[in-house]
PDB file of N, CA and C in Angstrom:
ATOM      1  N   MET A   1     -33.395 -89.319   9.771  1.00  0.00           N
ATOM      2  CA  MET A   1     -32.820 -88.261  10.582  1.00  0.00           C
ATOM      3  C   MET A   1     -31.295 -88.345  10.589  1.00  0.00           C
ATOM      4  N   ASN A   2     -30.792 -89.569  10.601  1.00  0.00           N
ATOM      5  CA  ASN A   2     -29.360 -89.761  10.599  1.00  0.00           C
ATOM      6  C   ASN A   2     -28.737 -89.252   9.301  1.00  0.00           C
ATOM      7  N   LEU A   3     -29.451 -89.393   8.204  1.00  0.00           N
ATOM      8  CA  LEU A   3     -28.983 -88.919   6.900  1.00  0.00           C
ATOM      9  C   LEU A   3     -28.812 -87.403   6.908  1.00  0.00           C
ATOM     10  N   ILE A   4     -29.728 -86.698   7.536  1.00  0.00           N
ATOM     11  CA  ILE A   4     -29.652 -85.238   7.611  1.00  0.00           C
ATOM     12  C   ILE A   4     -28.477 -84.801   8.471  1.00  0.00           C
ATOM     13  N   LYS A   5     -28.242 -85.484   9.581  1.00  0.00           N
ATOM     14  CA  LYS A   5     -27.095 -85.162  10.442  1.00  0.00           C
ATOM     15  C   LYS A   5     -25.793 -85.378   9.692  1.00  0.00           C
ATOM     16  N   ASN A   6     -25.716 -86.485   8.960  1.00  0.00           N
ATOM     17  CA  ASN A   6     -24.506 -86.755   8.179  1.00  0.00           C
ATOM     18  C   ASN A   6     -24.295 -85.706   7.089  1.00  0.00           C
ATOM     19  N   PHE A   7     -25.411 -85.260   6.488  1.00  0.00           N
ATOM     20  CA  PHE A   7     -25.319 -84.249   5.436  1.00  0.00           C
ATOM     21  C   PHE A   7     -24.732 -82.949   5.978  1.00  0.00           C
ATOM     22  N   PHE A   8     -25.195 -82.508   7.129  1.00  0.00           N
ATOM     23  CA  PHE A   8     -24.704 -81.262   7.707  1.00  0.00           C
ATOM     24  C   PHE A   8     -23.315 -81.408   8.311  1.00  0.00           C
ATOM     25  N   ALA A   9     -22.909 -82.613   8.673  1.00  0.00           N
ATOM     26  CA  ALA A   9     -21.583 -82.840   9.236  1.00  0.00           C
ATOM     27  C   ALA A   9     -20.522 -83.010   8.149  1.00  0.00           C
ATOM     28  N   ASP A  10     -20.951 -83.317   6.935  1.00  0.00           N
ATOM     29  CA  ASP A  10     -20.014 -83.547   5.838  1.00  0.00           C
ATOM     30  C   ASP A  10     -19.379 -82.222   5.416  1.00  0.00           C
ATOM     31  N   GLU A  11     -18.045 -82.161   5.427  1.00  0.00           N
ATOM     32  CA  GLU A  11     -17.333 -80.942   5.064  1.00  0.00           C
ATOM     33  C   GLU A  11     -16.514 -81.112   3.792  1.00  0.00           C
ATOM     34  N   SER A  12     -16.766 -82.132   3.010  1.00  0.00           N
ATOM     35  CA  SER A  12     -15.964 -82.345   1.806  1.00  0.00           C
ATOM     36  C   SER A  12     -16.200 -81.252   0.769  1.00  0.00           C
ATOM     37  N   GLY A  13     -17.358 -80.648   0.740  1.00  0.00           N
ATOM     38  CA  GLY A  13     -17.627 -79.558  -0.191  1.00  0.00           C
ATOM     39  C   GLY A  13     -16.908 -78.283   0.193  1.00  0.00           C
ATOM     40  N   ALA A  14     -16.569 -78.131   1.461  1.00  0.00           N
ATOM     41  CA  ALA A  14     -15.869 -76.927   1.914  1.00  0.00           C
ATOM     42  C   ALA A  14     -14.489 -76.836   1.282  1.00  0.00           C
ATOM     43  N   GLU A  15     -13.827 -77.965   1.104  1.00  0.00           N
ATOM     44  CA  GLU A  15     -12.513 -77.958   0.474  1.00  0.00           C
ATOM     45  C   GLU A  15     -12.617 -77.471  -0.959  1.00  0.00           C
ATOM     46  N   LEU A  16     -13.643 -77.916  -1.659  1.00  0.00           N
ATOM     47  CA  LEU A  16     -13.840 -77.493  -3.034  1.00  0.00           C
ATOM     48  C   LEU A  16     -14.076 -75.987  -3.102  1.00  0.00           C
ATOM     49  N   ALA A  17     -14.851 -75.464  -2.180  1.00  0.00           N
ATOM     50  CA  ALA A  17     -15.102 -74.023  -2.157  1.00  0.00           C
ATOM     51  C   ALA A  17     -13.816 -73.250  -1.883  1.00  0.00           C
ATOM     52  N   GLU A  18     -12.978 -73.758  -0.997  1.00  0.00           N
ATOM     53  CA  GLU A  18     -11.706 -73.097  -0.710  1.00  0.00           C
ATOM     54  C   GLU A  18     -10.806 -73.095  -1.937  1.00  0.00           C
ATOM     55  N   TYR A  19     -10.767 -74.210  -2.654  1.00  0.00           N
ATOM     56  CA  TYR A  19      -9.963 -74.272  -3.867  1.00  0.00           C
ATOM     57  C   TYR A  19     -10.500 -73.307  -4.930  1.00  0.00           C
ATOM     58  N   ALA A  20     -11.799 -73.189  -5.021  1.00  0.00           N
ATOM     59  CA  ALA A  20     -12.401 -72.280  -5.998  1.00  0.00           C
ATOM     60  C   ALA A  20     -12.053 -70.825  -5.665  1.00  0.00           C
ATOM     61  N   VAL A  21     -12.096 -70.470  -4.397  1.00  0.00           N
ATOM     62  CA  VAL A  21     -11.741 -69.100  -3.990  1.00  0.00           C
ATOM     63  C   VAL A  21     -10.267 -68.836  -4.252  1.00  0.00           C
ATOM     64  N   ALA A  22      -9.410 -69.793  -3.927  1.00  0.00           N
ATOM     65  CA  ALA A  22      -7.976 -69.624  -4.170  1.00  0.00           C
ATOM     66  C   ALA A  22      -7.697 -69.483  -5.659  1.00  0.00           C
ATOM     67  N   CYS A  23      -8.371 -70.265  -6.462  1.00  0.00           N
ATOM     68  CA  CYS A  23      -8.190 -70.184  -7.913  1.00  0.00           C
ATOM     69  C   CYS A  23      -8.658 -68.831  -8.435  1.00  0.00           C
ATOM     70  N   ALA A  24      -9.763 -68.341  -7.939  1.00  0.00           N
ATOM     71  CA  ALA A  24     -10.280 -67.041  -8.367  1.00  0.00           C
ATOM     72  C   ALA A  24      -9.310 -65.922  -7.998  1.00  0.00           C
ATOM     73  N   ILE A  25      -8.712 -66.007  -6.829  1.00  0.00           N
ATOM     74  CA  ILE A  25      -7.731 -64.998  -6.410  1.00  0.00           C
ATOM     75  C   ILE A  25      -6.508 -65.040  -7.315  1.00  0.00           C
ATOM     76  N   LEU A  26      -6.025 -66.231  -7.629  1.00  0.00           N
ATOM     77  CA  LEU A  26      -4.864 -66.354  -8.519  1.00  0.00           C
ATOM     78  C   LEU A  26      -5.165 -65.823  -9.916  1.00  0.00           C
ATOM     79  N   VAL A  27      -6.360 -66.081 -10.406  1.00  0.00           N
ATOM     80  CA  VAL A  27      -6.731 -65.573 -11.728  1.00  0.00           C
ATOM     81  C   VAL A  27      -6.798 -64.049 -11.703  1.00  0.00           C
ATOM     82  N   ALA A  28      -7.339 -63.476 -10.644  1.00  0.00           N
ATOM     83  CA  ALA A  28      -7.414 -62.013 -10.529  1.00  0.00           C
ATOM     84  C   ALA A  28      -6.015 -61.400 -10.503  1.00  0.00           C
ATOM     85  N   ILE A  29      -5.112 -62.005  -9.764  1.00  0.00           N
ATOM     86  CA  ILE A  29      -3.731 -61.511  -9.709  1.00  0.00           C
ATOM     87  C   ILE A  29      -3.074 -61.624 -11.074  1.00  0.00           C
ATOM     88  N   ALA A  30      -3.296 -62.732 -11.771  1.00  0.00           N
ATOM     89  CA  ALA A  30      -2.710 -62.920 -13.096  1.00  0.00           C
ATOM     90  C   ALA A  30      -3.224 -61.869 -14.080  1.00  0.00           C
ATOM     91  N   ILE A  31      -4.508 -61.547 -13.998  1.00  0.00           N
ATOM     92  CA  ILE A  31      -5.067 -60.534 -14.899  1.00  0.00           C
ATOM     93  C   ILE A  31      -4.456 -59.166 -14.618  1.00  0.00           C
ATOM     94  N   ILE A  32      -4.290 -58.828 -13.355  1.00  0.00           N
ATOM     95  CA  ILE A  32      -3.697 -57.535 -12.995  1.00  0.00           C
ATOM     96  C   ILE A  32      -2.254 -57.460 -13.481  1.00  0.00           C
ATOM     97  N   VAL A  33      -1.483 -58.513 -13.235  1.00  0.00           N
ATOM     98  CA  VAL A  33      -0.079 -58.537 -13.669  1.00  0.00           C
ATOM     99  C   VAL A  33      -0.007 -58.463 -15.186  1.00  0.00           C
ATOM    100  N   PHE A  34      -0.868 -59.193 -15.869  1.00  0.00           N
ATOM    101  CA  PHE A  34      -0.873 -59.178 -17.330  1.00  0.00           C
ATOM    102  C   PHE A  34      -1.169 -57.779 -17.855  1.00  0.00           C
ATOM    103  N   ASN A  35      -2.116 -57.089 -17.236  1.00  0.00           N
ATOM    104  CA  ASN A  35      -2.430 -55.721 -17.677  1.00  0.00           C
ATOM    105  C   ASN A  35      -1.263 -54.774 -17.462  1.00  0.00           C
ATOM    106  N   VAL A  36      -0.616 -54.862 -16.319  1.00  0.00           N
ATOM    107  CA  VAL A  36       0.505 -53.963 -16.024  1.00  0.00           C
ATOM    108  C   VAL A  36       1.684 -54.268 -16.940  1.00  0.00           C
ATOM    109  N   LEU A  37       2.061 -55.534 -17.030  1.00  0.00           N
ATOM    110  CA  LEU A  37       3.191 -55.891 -17.878  1.00  0.00           C
ATOM    111  C   LEU A  37       2.850 -55.720 -19.356  1.00  0.00           C
ATOM    112  N   GLY A  38       1.625 -55.986 -19.727  1.00  0.00           N
ATOM    113  CA  GLY A  38       1.227 -55.828 -21.118  1.00  0.00           C
ATOM    114  C   GLY A  38       1.372 -54.395 -21.579  1.00  0.00           C
ATOM    115  N   GLU A  39       1.010 -53.460 -20.715  1.00  0.00           N
ATOM    116  CA  GLU A  39       1.157 -52.048 -21.041  1.00  0.00           C
ATOM    117  C   GLU A  39       2.626 -51.672 -21.203  1.00  0.00           C
ATOM    118  N   ALA A  40       3.470 -52.139 -20.303  1.00  0.00           N
ATOM    119  CA  ALA A  40       4.899 -51.838 -20.362  1.00  0.00           C
ATOM    120  C   ALA A  40       5.524 -52.454 -21.610  1.00  0.00           C
ATOM    121  N   ILE A  41       5.153 -53.685 -21.915  1.00  0.00           N
ATOM    122  CA  ILE A  41       5.700 -54.350 -23.100  1.00  0.00           C
ATOM    123  C   ILE A  41       5.218 -53.642 -24.364  1.00  0.00           C
ATOM    124  N   ASN A  42       3.968 -53.234 -24.384  1.00  0.00           N
ATOM    125  CA  ASN A  42       3.439 -52.520 -25.541  1.00  0.00           C
ATOM    126  C   ASN A  42       4.184 -51.211 -25.756  1.00  0.00           C
ATOM    127  N   ASN A  43       4.451 -50.479 -24.690  1.00  0.00           N
ATOM    128  CA  ASN A  43       5.187 -49.219 -24.811  1.00  0.00           C
ATOM    129  C   ASN A  43       6.595 -49.464 -25.340  1.00  0.00           C
ATOM    130  N   LYS A  44       7.257 -50.492 -24.839  1.00  0.00           N
ATOM    131  CA  LYS A  44       8.615 -50.788 -25.281  1.00  0.00           C
ATOM    132  C   LYS A  44       8.632 -51.202 -26.749  1.00  0.00           C
ATOM    133  N   MET A  45       7.650 -52.005 -27.158  1.00  0.00           N
ATOM    134  CA  MET A  45       7.579 -52.430 -28.556  1.00  0.00           C
ATOM    135  C   MET A  45       7.318 -51.236 -29.473  1.00  0.00           C
ATOM    136  N   ASN A  46       6.514 -50.288 -29.029  1.00  0.00           N
ATOM    137  CA  ASN A  46       6.273 -49.078 -29.824  1.00  0.00           C
ATOM    138  C   ASN A  46       7.547 -48.258 -29.947  1.00  0.00           C
ATOM    139  N   ASP A  47       8.329 -48.165 -28.878  1.00  0.00           N
ATOM    140  CA  ASP A  47       9.605 -47.450 -28.934  1.00  0.00           C
ATOM    141  C   ASP A  47      10.555 -48.108 -29.925  1.00  0.00           C
ATOM    142  N   VAL A  48      10.636 -49.429 -29.885  1.00  0.00           N
ATOM    143  CA  VAL A  48      11.519 -50.153 -30.798  1.00  0.00           C
ATOM    144  C   VAL A  48      11.051 -49.966 -32.238  1.00  0.00           C
ATOM    145  N   ALA A  49       9.747 -50.028 -32.458  1.00  0.00           N
ATOM    146  CA  ALA A  49       9.207 -49.836 -33.809  1.00  0.00           C
ATOM    147  C   ALA A  49       9.509 -48.433 -34.314  1.00  0.00           C
ATOM    148  N   SER A  50       9.438 -47.437 -33.448  1.00  0.00           N
ATOM    149  CA  SER A  50       9.764 -46.064 -33.846  1.00  0.00           C
ATOM    150  C   SER A  50      11.231 -45.950 -34.213  1.00  0.00           C
ATOM    151  N   ASP A  51      12.093 -46.617 -33.458  1.00  0.00           N
ATOM    152  CA  ASP A  51      13.524 -46.581 -33.767  1.00  0.00           C
ATOM    153  C   ASP A  51      13.814 -47.270 -35.095  1.00  0.00           C
ATOM    154  N   ILE A  52      13.106 -48.329 -35.382  1.00  0.00           N
ATOM    155  CA  ILE A  52      13.321 -49.043 -36.644  1.00  0.00           C
ATOM    156  C   ILE A  52      12.840 -48.200 -37.816  1.00  0.00           C
ATOM    157  N   ASP A  53      11.725 -47.509 -37.652  1.00  0.00           N
ATOM    158  CA  ASP A  53      11.171 -46.690 -38.731  1.00  0.00           C
ATOM    159  C   ASP A  53      11.941 -45.388 -38.950  1.00  0.00           C
ATOM    160  N   ALA A  54      12.735 -44.969 -37.973  1.00  0.00           N
ATOM    161  CA  ALA A  54      13.465 -43.710 -38.081  1.00  0.00           C
ATOM    162  C   ALA A  54      14.536 -43.820 -39.171  1.00  0.00           C
ATOM    163  N   PRO A  55      14.805 -42.731 -39.865  1.00  0.00           N
ATOM    164  CA  PRO A  55      15.861 -42.787 -40.885  1.00  0.00           C
ATOM    165  C   PRO A  55      17.216 -42.993 -40.225  1.00  0.00           C
ATOM    166  N   PRO A  56      18.140 -43.633 -40.900  1.00  0.00           N
ATOM    167  CA  PRO A  56      19.452 -43.876 -40.293  1.00  0.00           C
ATOM    168  C   PRO A  56      20.188 -42.560 -40.079  1.00  0.00           C
ATOM    169  N   ALA A  57      21.041 -42.583 -39.089  1.00  0.00           N
ATOM    170  CA  ALA A  57      21.838 -41.387 -38.783  1.00  0.00           C
ATOM    171  C   ALA A  57      22.817 -41.142 -39.931  1.00  0.00           C
ATOM    172  N   ALA A  58      23.146 -39.885 -40.129  1.00  0.00           N
ATOM    173  CA  ALA A  58      24.085 -39.524 -41.207  1.00  0.00           C
ATOM    174  C   ALA A  58      25.453 -40.106 -40.898  1.00  0.00           C
ATOM    175  N   ALA A  59      26.092 -40.634 -41.909  1.00  0.00           N
ATOM    176  CA  ALA A  59      27.431 -41.211 -41.740  1.00  0.00           C
ATOM    177  C   ALA A  59      28.434 -40.085 -41.609  1.00  0.00           C
ATOM    178  N   PRO A  60      29.451 -40.300 -40.794  1.00  0.00           N
ATOM    179  CA  PRO A  60      30.482 -39.246 -40.670  1.00  0.00           C
ATOM    180  C   PRO A  60      31.238 -39.087 -41.999  1.00  0.00           C
ATOM    181  N   PRO A  61      31.693 -37.880 -42.272  1.00  0.00           N
ATOM    182  CA  PRO A  61      32.406 -37.681 -43.543  1.00  0.00           C
ATOM    183  C   PRO A  61      33.704 -38.494 -43.586  1.00  0.00           C
ATOM    184  N   ALA A  62      34.028 -38.939 -44.781  1.00  0.00           N
ATOM    185  CA  ALA A  62      35.252 -39.741 -44.954  1.00  0.00           C
ATOM    186  C   ALA A  62      36.470 -38.823 -44.884  1.00  0.00           C
ATOM    187  N   PRO A  63      37.571 -39.274 -44.311  1.00  0.00           N
ATOM    188  CA  PRO A  63      38.765 -38.401 -44.183  1.00  0.00           C
ATOM    189  C   PRO A  63      39.508 -38.246 -45.481  1.00  0.00           C
TER     190      PRO A  63
END
């Protein structure tokens, strides 16, 4: 009977559960930030690639 009381009084597993929830929240935030920034970075890289592929501007006439 004492073993059962000790089992229910033991809270060491609660800390592990709290760490797991905190880790899951941080991972969710990281995924959201990665998606938002990834989209912005992708758009910027496409703009730069378009500028590189564009023909050079005409040189001004020589005097």
